[in-house]
N, C-alpha and C. Protein backbone atom coordinates (compact mmCIF):
# COMPACT_ATOMS: atom_id res chain seq x y z
N MET A 1 -72.10 -44.19 94.56
CA MET A 1 -72.21 -42.88 93.92
C MET A 1 -72.16 -41.79 94.98
N MET A 2 -71.35 -40.81 94.74
CA MET A 2 -71.25 -39.65 95.68
C MET A 2 -72.22 -38.58 95.28
N LEU A 3 -73.01 -38.10 96.21
CA LEU A 3 -73.93 -37.01 95.93
C LEU A 3 -73.15 -35.67 96.01
N PRO A 4 -73.63 -34.70 95.23
CA PRO A 4 -73.01 -33.39 95.38
C PRO A 4 -73.11 -32.87 96.80
N ALA A 5 -72.13 -32.10 97.24
CA ALA A 5 -72.06 -31.62 98.57
C ALA A 5 -73.30 -30.83 98.97
N ALA A 6 -73.82 -30.02 98.06
CA ALA A 6 -74.99 -29.22 98.38
C ALA A 6 -76.23 -30.13 98.63
N THR A 7 -76.32 -31.17 97.79
CA THR A 7 -77.43 -32.12 97.97
C THR A 7 -77.33 -32.84 99.30
N GLN A 8 -76.11 -33.31 99.62
CA GLN A 8 -75.91 -33.97 100.86
C GLN A 8 -76.23 -33.12 102.07
N ALA A 9 -75.82 -31.84 101.97
CA ALA A 9 -76.10 -30.88 103.05
C ALA A 9 -77.61 -30.69 103.22
N TYR A 10 -78.34 -30.62 102.12
CA TYR A 10 -79.78 -30.47 102.18
C TYR A 10 -80.42 -31.69 102.81
N LEU A 11 -80.01 -32.88 102.39
CA LEU A 11 -80.56 -34.12 102.95
C LEU A 11 -80.28 -34.19 104.47
N ASN A 12 -79.07 -33.84 104.86
CA ASN A 12 -78.74 -33.85 106.29
C ASN A 12 -79.63 -32.89 107.08
N LYS A 13 -79.91 -31.74 106.46
CA LYS A 13 -80.78 -30.75 107.13
C LYS A 13 -82.19 -31.27 107.30
N ILE A 14 -82.78 -31.88 106.27
CA ILE A 14 -84.19 -32.30 106.36
C ILE A 14 -84.34 -33.63 107.12
N ARG A 15 -83.24 -34.30 107.42
CA ARG A 15 -83.30 -35.49 108.28
C ARG A 15 -83.36 -35.12 109.73
N GLN A 16 -83.00 -33.89 110.03
CA GLN A 16 -83.05 -33.44 111.45
C GLN A 16 -84.50 -33.25 111.89
N ASP A 17 -84.74 -33.40 113.18
CA ASP A 17 -86.07 -33.17 113.70
C ASP A 17 -86.55 -31.77 113.38
N ILE A 18 -87.84 -31.69 113.09
CA ILE A 18 -88.53 -30.36 113.08
C ILE A 18 -88.92 -30.02 114.50
N VAL A 19 -88.58 -28.87 114.94
CA VAL A 19 -88.81 -28.49 116.36
C VAL A 19 -89.62 -27.22 116.42
N PHE A 20 -90.69 -27.25 117.25
CA PHE A 20 -91.50 -26.04 117.48
C PHE A 20 -92.22 -26.17 118.79
N SER A 21 -92.79 -25.05 119.25
CA SER A 21 -93.62 -25.03 120.45
C SER A 21 -94.99 -24.48 120.11
N ASP A 22 -95.96 -24.89 120.89
CA ASP A 22 -97.31 -24.35 120.67
C ASP A 22 -98.09 -24.38 122.00
N THR A 23 -99.09 -23.54 122.09
CA THR A 23 -99.95 -23.49 123.26
C THR A 23 -101.36 -23.91 122.89
N LEU A 24 -101.86 -24.96 123.50
CA LEU A 24 -103.20 -25.47 123.24
C LEU A 24 -103.90 -25.57 124.59
N ARG A 25 -105.08 -24.99 124.65
CA ARG A 25 -105.91 -24.95 125.88
C ARG A 25 -105.07 -24.46 127.09
N GLY A 26 -104.22 -23.51 126.80
CA GLY A 26 -103.41 -22.91 127.89
C GLY A 26 -102.19 -23.70 128.23
N GLU A 27 -101.94 -24.80 127.57
CA GLU A 27 -100.77 -25.65 127.89
C GLU A 27 -99.75 -25.51 126.80
N THR A 28 -98.56 -24.98 127.16
CA THR A 28 -97.50 -24.86 126.15
C THR A 28 -96.65 -26.09 126.12
N LEU A 29 -96.49 -26.68 124.97
CA LEU A 29 -95.69 -27.90 124.80
C LEU A 29 -94.67 -27.71 123.72
N HIS A 30 -93.56 -28.44 123.84
CA HIS A 30 -92.49 -28.38 122.84
C HIS A 30 -92.53 -29.70 122.09
N TYR A 31 -92.47 -29.61 120.74
CA TYR A 31 -92.64 -30.78 119.91
C TYR A 31 -91.42 -31.01 119.01
N HIS A 32 -91.04 -32.29 118.91
CA HIS A 32 -90.11 -32.75 117.87
C HIS A 32 -90.96 -33.60 116.89
N THR A 33 -90.85 -33.35 115.61
CA THR A 33 -91.52 -34.13 114.60
C THR A 33 -90.55 -34.44 113.46
N THR A 34 -91.11 -35.11 112.42
CA THR A 34 -90.29 -35.42 111.26
C THR A 34 -91.17 -35.52 110.03
N TRP A 35 -90.59 -35.41 108.91
CA TRP A 35 -91.32 -35.54 107.68
C TRP A 35 -91.95 -36.94 107.58
N GLY A 36 -93.19 -36.97 107.07
CA GLY A 36 -93.89 -38.23 106.98
C GLY A 36 -94.99 -38.36 108.03
N LEU A 37 -94.87 -37.63 109.11
CA LEU A 37 -95.94 -37.55 110.09
C LEU A 37 -96.95 -36.49 109.69
N PHE A 38 -98.14 -36.63 110.15
CA PHE A 38 -99.21 -35.69 109.81
C PHE A 38 -98.87 -34.32 110.37
N SER A 39 -98.98 -33.30 109.56
CA SER A 39 -98.80 -31.89 109.94
C SER A 39 -97.53 -31.70 110.76
N PRO A 40 -96.38 -31.99 110.20
CA PRO A 40 -95.15 -31.98 111.01
C PRO A 40 -94.58 -30.62 111.38
N LYS A 41 -95.01 -29.55 110.72
CA LYS A 41 -94.41 -28.24 110.99
C LYS A 41 -95.23 -27.40 111.98
N ALA A 42 -96.46 -27.83 112.26
CA ALA A 42 -97.33 -27.04 113.17
C ALA A 42 -98.51 -27.93 113.52
N VAL A 43 -99.09 -27.68 114.71
CA VAL A 43 -100.31 -28.39 115.09
C VAL A 43 -101.40 -27.99 114.16
N ASP A 44 -102.09 -28.99 113.58
CA ASP A 44 -103.06 -28.69 112.55
C ASP A 44 -104.33 -28.03 113.11
N GLU A 45 -105.05 -27.37 112.26
CA GLU A 45 -106.23 -26.61 112.63
C GLU A 45 -107.32 -27.51 113.25
N GLY A 46 -107.49 -28.76 112.73
CA GLY A 46 -108.48 -29.64 113.23
C GLY A 46 -108.22 -30.05 114.68
N SER A 47 -106.98 -30.41 114.98
CA SER A 47 -106.65 -30.77 116.37
C SER A 47 -106.87 -29.62 117.32
N ARG A 48 -106.51 -28.44 116.90
CA ARG A 48 -106.66 -27.25 117.73
C ARG A 48 -108.15 -26.98 118.00
N LEU A 49 -109.00 -27.14 116.95
CA LEU A 49 -110.42 -26.95 117.09
C LEU A 49 -111.03 -27.98 118.02
N LEU A 50 -110.62 -29.21 117.93
CA LEU A 50 -111.13 -30.27 118.76
C LEU A 50 -110.80 -29.98 120.23
N LEU A 51 -109.57 -29.64 120.53
CA LEU A 51 -109.18 -29.32 121.90
C LEU A 51 -109.96 -28.14 122.48
N ASP A 52 -110.22 -27.16 121.64
CA ASP A 52 -110.94 -25.97 122.07
C ASP A 52 -112.37 -26.25 122.48
N HIS A 53 -112.96 -27.37 122.03
CA HIS A 53 -114.37 -27.61 122.20
C HIS A 53 -114.70 -28.88 122.96
N LEU A 54 -113.72 -29.46 123.64
CA LEU A 54 -114.06 -30.63 124.46
C LEU A 54 -114.07 -30.29 125.93
N GLU A 55 -114.86 -31.04 126.70
CA GLU A 55 -114.88 -30.90 128.14
C GLU A 55 -114.03 -32.01 128.75
N ILE A 56 -113.24 -31.67 129.73
CA ILE A 56 -112.38 -32.62 130.35
C ILE A 56 -112.27 -32.35 131.84
N LYS A 57 -112.23 -33.42 132.60
CA LYS A 57 -112.13 -33.32 134.06
C LYS A 57 -110.71 -33.67 134.48
N HIS A 58 -110.30 -33.23 135.64
CA HIS A 58 -108.91 -33.37 136.08
C HIS A 58 -108.49 -34.82 136.26
N ASP A 59 -109.48 -35.73 136.44
CA ASP A 59 -109.13 -37.13 136.68
C ASP A 59 -109.62 -38.06 135.55
N ASP A 60 -109.94 -37.50 134.39
CA ASP A 60 -110.38 -38.32 133.27
C ASP A 60 -109.26 -39.23 132.78
N ASP A 61 -109.62 -40.47 132.51
CA ASP A 61 -108.71 -41.38 131.73
C ASP A 61 -109.06 -41.20 130.28
N THR A 62 -108.04 -40.90 129.49
CA THR A 62 -108.30 -40.48 128.12
C THR A 62 -107.53 -41.35 127.13
N LEU A 63 -108.04 -41.41 125.93
CA LEU A 63 -107.40 -42.14 124.83
C LEU A 63 -107.35 -41.26 123.61
N ASP A 64 -106.19 -41.18 123.00
CA ASP A 64 -105.98 -40.47 121.76
C ASP A 64 -105.75 -41.55 120.68
N LEU A 65 -106.73 -41.71 119.80
CA LEU A 65 -106.70 -42.72 118.76
C LEU A 65 -106.09 -42.09 117.47
N GLY A 66 -104.90 -42.59 117.09
CA GLY A 66 -104.17 -42.00 115.99
C GLY A 66 -103.44 -40.79 116.39
N CYS A 67 -102.52 -40.95 117.38
CA CYS A 67 -101.96 -39.82 118.12
C CYS A 67 -100.93 -39.01 117.34
N GLY A 68 -100.37 -39.56 116.24
CA GLY A 68 -99.33 -38.82 115.57
C GLY A 68 -98.17 -38.54 116.55
N TYR A 69 -97.65 -37.31 116.56
CA TYR A 69 -96.54 -37.00 117.44
C TYR A 69 -97.04 -36.48 118.80
N GLY A 70 -98.40 -36.52 119.02
CA GLY A 70 -98.88 -36.34 120.37
C GLY A 70 -99.59 -35.09 120.78
N PRO A 71 -99.93 -34.13 119.88
CA PRO A 71 -100.50 -32.88 120.39
C PRO A 71 -101.80 -33.06 121.15
N LEU A 72 -102.68 -33.95 120.71
CA LEU A 72 -103.92 -34.13 121.44
C LEU A 72 -103.70 -34.86 122.73
N GLY A 73 -103.09 -36.03 122.68
CA GLY A 73 -102.98 -36.87 123.87
C GLY A 73 -102.09 -36.24 124.95
N LEU A 74 -101.04 -35.58 124.58
CA LEU A 74 -100.17 -34.95 125.57
C LEU A 74 -100.84 -33.73 126.20
N THR A 75 -101.63 -33.02 125.43
CA THR A 75 -102.37 -31.89 126.00
C THR A 75 -103.43 -32.42 126.98
N LEU A 76 -104.13 -33.55 126.60
CA LEU A 76 -105.07 -34.12 127.53
C LEU A 76 -104.42 -34.57 128.82
N ALA A 77 -103.22 -35.10 128.73
CA ALA A 77 -102.50 -35.49 129.93
C ALA A 77 -102.26 -34.32 130.86
N ARG A 78 -101.93 -33.18 130.28
CA ARG A 78 -101.71 -31.97 131.08
C ARG A 78 -103.05 -31.48 131.67
N LEU A 79 -104.13 -31.60 130.92
CA LEU A 79 -105.42 -31.07 131.39
C LEU A 79 -106.10 -32.02 132.39
N ALA A 80 -105.70 -33.28 132.40
CA ALA A 80 -106.24 -34.29 133.36
C ALA A 80 -105.09 -34.92 134.13
N PRO A 81 -104.41 -34.15 134.98
CA PRO A 81 -103.19 -34.65 135.64
C PRO A 81 -103.43 -35.82 136.58
N ASP A 82 -104.70 -36.01 137.06
CA ASP A 82 -105.00 -37.11 137.94
C ASP A 82 -105.54 -38.34 137.19
N GLY A 83 -105.55 -38.26 135.88
CA GLY A 83 -105.93 -39.41 135.07
C GLY A 83 -104.76 -39.94 134.28
N THR A 84 -105.02 -40.95 133.45
CA THR A 84 -104.00 -41.48 132.54
C THR A 84 -104.36 -41.20 131.10
N SER A 85 -103.44 -40.70 130.36
CA SER A 85 -103.66 -40.44 128.93
C SER A 85 -102.98 -41.50 128.13
N VAL A 86 -103.73 -42.29 127.37
CA VAL A 86 -103.19 -43.33 126.51
C VAL A 86 -103.13 -42.80 125.09
N LEU A 87 -101.97 -42.92 124.47
CA LEU A 87 -101.80 -42.49 123.06
C LEU A 87 -101.44 -43.71 122.22
N ILE A 88 -102.19 -43.90 121.14
CA ILE A 88 -101.94 -45.05 120.24
C ILE A 88 -101.88 -44.58 118.79
N ASP A 89 -101.09 -45.34 118.04
CA ASP A 89 -101.02 -45.09 116.60
C ASP A 89 -100.54 -46.35 115.94
N LYS A 90 -100.92 -46.57 114.70
CA LYS A 90 -100.46 -47.70 113.93
C LYS A 90 -99.08 -47.51 113.28
N ASP A 91 -98.57 -46.28 113.35
CA ASP A 91 -97.30 -45.91 112.74
C ASP A 91 -96.22 -45.87 113.85
N PHE A 92 -95.23 -46.70 113.74
CA PHE A 92 -94.21 -46.80 114.77
C PHE A 92 -93.42 -45.49 114.92
N VAL A 93 -93.28 -44.75 113.81
CA VAL A 93 -92.57 -43.46 113.88
C VAL A 93 -93.36 -42.49 114.74
N ALA A 94 -94.69 -42.45 114.54
CA ALA A 94 -95.55 -41.58 115.37
C ALA A 94 -95.42 -41.92 116.81
N VAL A 95 -95.45 -43.19 117.14
CA VAL A 95 -95.32 -43.66 118.53
C VAL A 95 -94.00 -43.19 119.12
N GLU A 96 -92.94 -43.36 118.41
CA GLU A 96 -91.64 -42.98 118.92
C GLU A 96 -91.54 -41.46 119.18
N TYR A 97 -92.16 -40.67 118.30
CA TYR A 97 -92.12 -39.23 118.50
C TYR A 97 -93.06 -38.80 119.61
N SER A 98 -94.19 -39.47 119.78
CA SER A 98 -95.04 -39.16 120.96
C SER A 98 -94.27 -39.44 122.26
N LYS A 99 -93.57 -40.59 122.28
CA LYS A 99 -92.77 -40.90 123.49
C LYS A 99 -91.71 -39.86 123.71
N LYS A 100 -91.05 -39.44 122.64
CA LYS A 100 -90.00 -38.42 122.78
C LYS A 100 -90.63 -37.11 123.31
N ASN A 101 -91.74 -36.74 122.77
CA ASN A 101 -92.38 -35.47 123.22
C ASN A 101 -92.87 -35.51 124.62
N ALA A 102 -93.37 -36.68 125.05
CA ALA A 102 -93.77 -36.84 126.46
C ALA A 102 -92.57 -36.62 127.36
N GLN A 103 -91.43 -37.18 126.97
CA GLN A 103 -90.20 -37.04 127.75
C GLN A 103 -89.68 -35.61 127.78
N ILE A 104 -89.70 -35.00 126.58
CA ILE A 104 -89.23 -33.56 126.47
C ILE A 104 -90.05 -32.69 127.40
N ASN A 105 -91.34 -32.94 127.46
CA ASN A 105 -92.25 -32.08 128.25
C ASN A 105 -92.47 -32.59 129.66
N ASN A 106 -91.77 -33.62 130.05
CA ASN A 106 -91.82 -34.17 131.41
C ASN A 106 -93.27 -34.56 131.80
N ILE A 107 -93.95 -35.20 130.85
CA ILE A 107 -95.34 -35.65 131.10
C ILE A 107 -95.26 -37.14 131.47
N LYS A 108 -95.67 -37.45 132.68
CA LYS A 108 -95.50 -38.80 133.22
C LYS A 108 -96.80 -39.66 133.17
N ASN A 109 -97.94 -39.01 133.19
CA ASN A 109 -99.19 -39.74 133.26
C ASN A 109 -99.70 -40.19 131.88
N VAL A 110 -98.80 -40.80 131.14
CA VAL A 110 -99.13 -41.28 129.81
C VAL A 110 -98.67 -42.71 129.60
N GLU A 111 -99.38 -43.39 128.70
CA GLU A 111 -98.93 -44.69 128.15
C GLU A 111 -99.02 -44.52 126.64
N ILE A 112 -97.97 -44.88 125.95
CA ILE A 112 -97.88 -44.65 124.49
C ILE A 112 -97.42 -45.94 123.83
N PHE A 113 -98.21 -46.45 122.91
CA PHE A 113 -97.81 -47.71 122.30
C PHE A 113 -98.46 -47.91 120.94
N LEU A 114 -97.91 -48.82 120.19
CA LEU A 114 -98.33 -49.17 118.84
C LEU A 114 -99.62 -49.96 118.93
N SER A 115 -100.61 -49.57 118.11
CA SER A 115 -101.87 -50.29 118.10
C SER A 115 -102.56 -50.00 116.80
N ASN A 116 -103.06 -51.02 116.10
CA ASN A 116 -103.87 -50.86 114.90
C ASN A 116 -105.30 -50.67 115.33
N GLY A 117 -105.72 -49.37 115.39
CA GLY A 117 -107.01 -49.08 115.98
C GLY A 117 -106.95 -49.45 117.49
N PHE A 118 -107.94 -50.20 117.91
CA PHE A 118 -108.07 -50.55 119.33
C PHE A 118 -107.48 -51.92 119.65
N ASP A 119 -106.77 -52.56 118.71
CA ASP A 119 -106.49 -53.99 118.89
C ASP A 119 -105.50 -54.30 120.03
N GLN A 120 -104.77 -53.30 120.56
CA GLN A 120 -103.86 -53.56 121.67
C GLN A 120 -104.39 -52.91 123.00
N ILE A 121 -105.64 -52.47 122.99
CA ILE A 121 -106.18 -51.79 124.15
C ILE A 121 -106.73 -52.76 125.22
N GLY A 122 -107.14 -53.94 124.78
CA GLY A 122 -107.74 -54.86 125.72
C GLY A 122 -109.10 -54.41 126.14
N LYS A 123 -109.44 -54.58 127.44
CA LYS A 123 -110.76 -54.25 127.90
C LYS A 123 -110.78 -52.97 128.74
N ARG A 124 -109.77 -52.17 128.60
CA ARG A 124 -109.70 -50.90 129.33
C ARG A 124 -110.85 -49.99 128.97
N LYS A 125 -111.29 -49.18 129.97
CA LYS A 125 -112.36 -48.22 129.75
C LYS A 125 -111.82 -46.81 129.87
N PHE A 126 -112.41 -45.88 129.17
CA PHE A 126 -111.96 -44.51 129.16
C PHE A 126 -113.14 -43.55 129.37
N ASP A 127 -112.84 -42.45 130.06
CA ASP A 127 -113.85 -41.37 130.24
C ASP A 127 -113.93 -40.51 128.97
N LEU A 128 -112.89 -40.44 128.22
CA LEU A 128 -112.80 -39.52 127.11
C LEU A 128 -111.93 -40.16 126.03
N ILE A 129 -112.46 -40.26 124.83
CA ILE A 129 -111.72 -40.77 123.67
C ILE A 129 -111.78 -39.68 122.59
N VAL A 130 -110.66 -39.39 122.00
CA VAL A 130 -110.59 -38.39 120.97
C VAL A 130 -109.90 -38.92 119.70
N SER A 131 -110.25 -38.39 118.57
CA SER A 131 -109.55 -38.76 117.35
C SER A 131 -109.74 -37.66 116.29
N ASN A 132 -108.61 -37.33 115.67
CA ASN A 132 -108.61 -36.51 114.46
C ASN A 132 -108.66 -37.52 113.30
N LEU A 133 -109.88 -37.84 112.88
CA LEU A 133 -110.08 -38.90 111.97
C LEU A 133 -109.47 -38.66 110.58
N PRO A 134 -108.85 -39.64 109.99
CA PRO A 134 -108.29 -39.44 108.62
C PRO A 134 -109.44 -39.26 107.63
N ALA A 135 -109.21 -38.38 106.66
CA ALA A 135 -110.26 -38.04 105.71
C ALA A 135 -110.38 -39.08 104.62
N LYS A 136 -109.28 -39.69 104.25
CA LYS A 136 -109.27 -40.61 103.09
C LYS A 136 -109.16 -42.06 103.56
N THR A 137 -110.27 -42.58 103.99
CA THR A 137 -110.33 -43.97 104.38
C THR A 137 -111.76 -44.48 104.17
N GLY A 138 -111.97 -45.78 104.22
CA GLY A 138 -113.29 -46.31 104.00
C GLY A 138 -114.22 -46.16 105.19
N LYS A 139 -115.49 -46.15 104.94
CA LYS A 139 -116.46 -46.03 106.03
C LYS A 139 -116.40 -47.23 106.94
N GLU A 140 -115.91 -48.36 106.39
CA GLU A 140 -115.75 -49.54 107.22
C GLU A 140 -114.83 -49.31 108.43
N LEU A 141 -113.73 -48.57 108.15
CA LEU A 141 -112.78 -48.27 109.20
C LEU A 141 -113.42 -47.36 110.26
N TYR A 142 -114.17 -46.39 109.83
CA TYR A 142 -114.86 -45.51 110.78
C TYR A 142 -115.75 -46.34 111.68
N TYR A 143 -116.55 -47.25 111.10
CA TYR A 143 -117.48 -48.06 111.90
C TYR A 143 -116.69 -48.93 112.89
N LEU A 144 -115.56 -49.45 112.50
CA LEU A 144 -114.72 -50.22 113.43
C LEU A 144 -114.29 -49.35 114.59
N TYR A 145 -113.82 -48.16 114.29
CA TYR A 145 -113.40 -47.22 115.34
C TYR A 145 -114.58 -46.90 116.26
N PHE A 146 -115.75 -46.61 115.70
CA PHE A 146 -116.88 -46.15 116.51
C PHE A 146 -117.38 -47.28 117.41
N TYR A 147 -117.56 -48.45 116.88
CA TYR A 147 -118.07 -49.58 117.71
C TYR A 147 -117.00 -49.99 118.75
N ASP A 148 -115.72 -49.93 118.37
CA ASP A 148 -114.67 -50.26 119.32
C ASP A 148 -114.60 -49.22 120.43
N ALA A 149 -114.87 -47.94 120.08
CA ALA A 149 -114.88 -46.88 121.09
C ALA A 149 -116.10 -47.09 122.05
N LEU A 150 -117.23 -47.47 121.47
CA LEU A 150 -118.45 -47.64 122.27
C LEU A 150 -118.24 -48.61 123.42
N VAL A 151 -117.59 -49.75 123.15
CA VAL A 151 -117.44 -50.77 124.20
C VAL A 151 -116.31 -50.46 125.18
N ARG A 152 -115.56 -49.40 124.87
CA ARG A 152 -114.43 -49.02 125.76
C ARG A 152 -114.70 -47.68 126.48
N MET A 153 -115.93 -47.21 126.43
CA MET A 153 -116.27 -45.98 127.12
C MET A 153 -116.85 -46.29 128.46
N SER A 154 -116.42 -45.58 129.48
CA SER A 154 -117.01 -45.67 130.79
C SER A 154 -118.41 -45.05 130.76
N ALA A 155 -119.23 -45.35 131.76
CA ALA A 155 -120.52 -44.71 131.88
C ALA A 155 -120.36 -43.21 131.90
N GLY A 156 -121.07 -42.48 131.10
CA GLY A 156 -120.89 -41.05 131.02
C GLY A 156 -119.74 -40.63 130.15
N GLY A 157 -119.07 -41.57 129.51
CA GLY A 157 -117.92 -41.26 128.69
C GLY A 157 -118.28 -40.46 127.44
N ARG A 158 -117.29 -39.77 126.92
CA ARG A 158 -117.47 -38.90 125.75
C ARG A 158 -116.49 -39.30 124.63
N PHE A 159 -116.98 -39.29 123.43
CA PHE A 159 -116.14 -39.61 122.25
C PHE A 159 -116.22 -38.39 121.31
N TYR A 160 -115.06 -37.75 121.17
CA TYR A 160 -114.95 -36.56 120.33
C TYR A 160 -114.14 -36.85 119.05
N VAL A 161 -114.64 -36.37 117.93
CA VAL A 161 -113.90 -36.49 116.69
C VAL A 161 -113.87 -35.15 115.97
N VAL A 162 -112.85 -34.93 115.21
CA VAL A 162 -112.80 -33.84 114.27
C VAL A 162 -112.57 -34.44 112.88
N THR A 163 -113.36 -33.98 111.95
CA THR A 163 -113.27 -34.47 110.57
C THR A 163 -113.35 -33.25 109.62
N ILE A 164 -113.00 -33.51 108.34
CA ILE A 164 -113.31 -32.50 107.36
C ILE A 164 -114.84 -32.30 107.33
N SER A 165 -115.27 -31.12 107.08
CA SER A 165 -116.69 -30.77 107.16
C SER A 165 -117.52 -31.57 106.15
N GLY A 166 -116.88 -32.02 105.09
CA GLY A 166 -117.61 -32.84 104.08
C GLY A 166 -118.10 -34.17 104.63
N LEU A 167 -117.54 -34.60 105.75
CA LEU A 167 -117.95 -35.88 106.35
C LEU A 167 -119.00 -35.69 107.45
N ARG A 168 -119.42 -34.47 107.72
CA ARG A 168 -120.22 -34.24 108.92
C ARG A 168 -121.57 -34.97 108.90
N ARG A 169 -122.19 -35.09 107.75
CA ARG A 169 -123.50 -35.80 107.71
C ARG A 169 -123.32 -37.28 107.92
N PHE A 170 -122.26 -37.83 107.37
CA PHE A 170 -121.99 -39.24 107.64
C PHE A 170 -121.70 -39.51 109.13
N ILE A 171 -120.90 -38.59 109.74
CA ILE A 171 -120.61 -38.75 111.15
C ILE A 171 -121.89 -38.65 112.00
N GLN A 172 -122.77 -37.73 111.66
CA GLN A 172 -124.05 -37.60 112.37
C GLN A 172 -124.84 -38.88 112.25
N LYS A 173 -125.00 -39.43 111.09
CA LYS A 173 -125.72 -40.67 110.88
C LYS A 173 -125.11 -41.84 111.62
N ALA A 174 -123.79 -41.95 111.52
CA ALA A 174 -123.11 -43.07 112.13
C ALA A 174 -123.15 -42.98 113.67
N PHE A 175 -122.97 -41.76 114.22
CA PHE A 175 -123.03 -41.62 115.66
C PHE A 175 -124.40 -41.97 116.23
N ILE A 176 -125.45 -41.53 115.56
CA ILE A 176 -126.79 -41.86 116.02
C ILE A 176 -127.01 -43.36 115.96
N GLU A 177 -126.51 -43.98 114.89
CA GLU A 177 -126.64 -45.43 114.74
C GLU A 177 -125.85 -46.19 115.80
N VAL A 178 -124.64 -45.74 116.10
CA VAL A 178 -123.75 -46.50 116.99
C VAL A 178 -123.99 -46.10 118.47
N PHE A 179 -124.04 -44.82 118.74
CA PHE A 179 -124.08 -44.37 120.13
C PHE A 179 -125.49 -43.95 120.58
N GLY A 180 -126.38 -43.70 119.63
CA GLY A 180 -127.71 -43.28 119.95
C GLY A 180 -127.85 -41.78 120.14
N ASN A 181 -126.78 -41.07 119.94
CA ASN A 181 -126.82 -39.59 120.08
C ASN A 181 -125.66 -38.95 119.31
N TYR A 182 -125.82 -37.65 119.05
CA TYR A 182 -124.84 -36.92 118.28
C TYR A 182 -124.99 -35.42 118.66
N GLU A 183 -123.84 -34.79 118.84
CA GLU A 183 -123.88 -33.35 119.07
C GLU A 183 -122.79 -32.71 118.24
N LYS A 184 -123.15 -31.77 117.41
CA LYS A 184 -122.19 -31.02 116.64
C LYS A 184 -121.76 -29.83 117.50
N LEU A 185 -120.45 -29.76 117.82
CA LEU A 185 -119.94 -28.76 118.73
C LEU A 185 -119.44 -27.52 117.99
N LYS A 186 -118.88 -27.75 116.81
CA LYS A 186 -118.36 -26.64 116.06
C LYS A 186 -118.21 -27.03 114.61
N GLN A 187 -118.73 -26.22 113.73
CA GLN A 187 -118.57 -26.46 112.30
C GLN A 187 -117.89 -25.24 111.67
N GLY A 188 -116.69 -25.48 111.16
CA GLY A 188 -115.99 -24.46 110.46
C GLY A 188 -116.04 -24.72 108.97
N GLN A 189 -115.40 -23.86 108.23
CA GLN A 189 -115.40 -24.03 106.77
C GLN A 189 -114.68 -25.33 106.36
N THR A 190 -113.66 -25.73 107.18
CA THR A 190 -112.84 -26.87 106.80
C THR A 190 -113.13 -28.09 107.70
N TYR A 191 -113.26 -27.86 108.98
CA TYR A 191 -113.40 -28.94 109.97
C TYR A 191 -114.66 -28.84 110.81
N THR A 192 -115.15 -30.00 111.24
CA THR A 192 -116.28 -30.07 112.16
C THR A 192 -115.92 -30.96 113.36
N VAL A 193 -116.27 -30.51 114.53
CA VAL A 193 -116.07 -31.26 115.76
C VAL A 193 -117.42 -31.81 116.23
N ALA A 194 -117.46 -33.09 116.48
CA ALA A 194 -118.68 -33.73 116.93
C ALA A 194 -118.40 -34.63 118.16
N MET A 195 -119.48 -34.89 118.92
CA MET A 195 -119.31 -35.66 120.14
C MET A 195 -120.47 -36.58 120.33
N ALA A 196 -120.22 -37.76 120.91
CA ALA A 196 -121.27 -38.69 121.32
C ALA A 196 -120.96 -39.06 122.78
N ARG A 197 -122.08 -39.33 123.54
CA ARG A 197 -121.95 -39.73 124.93
C ARG A 197 -122.46 -41.17 125.13
N LEU A 198 -121.90 -41.77 126.16
CA LEU A 198 -122.45 -43.05 126.64
C LEU A 198 -123.12 -42.78 127.95
N ASP A 199 -124.45 -42.78 127.93
CA ASP A 199 -125.21 -42.35 129.09
C ASP A 199 -125.48 -43.45 130.09
N ARG A 200 -125.36 -44.69 129.67
CA ARG A 200 -125.66 -45.77 130.59
C ARG A 200 -124.43 -46.11 131.46
């Protein structure tokens, strides 16, 4: 069946990469994305809020859990040029676009690969782990993420998450249960940024 020319032209247009640039924490990056990835037309408000409220050192080894097309993990790589930024996602399309965006922005201190949660991480340790947690998932998955993060944090490591504000009380309870501490860094109308530390 032949599609009408106008329909075919529209499909060809929306199959092309979405391209935009943005500045986060003073770092301007150029992004290619596609439909089906989270927030493909602009960096989402939650990721921006998370980056604005985290502390990072120049040599931190970082992990972006659920990296999407890379705005968190690639910005962390720029902010910690003497560390390694690991980006993981369970979606192969997200991983491919993160790799593409690392190349476009000439970011070398990254490792980007497919992983269902932490299952491909091995025993690596990180100074900083971040995640823009999905809103619609079971609490079981959150607990898997939190305990898996706990055992992969270096001494003094930090785990930052951004969630919809409706989950903030659950995050507080779970962080105290898992990490023994909780700090709310920023609560907005839509999103809340929280952090836990590994002090030992």
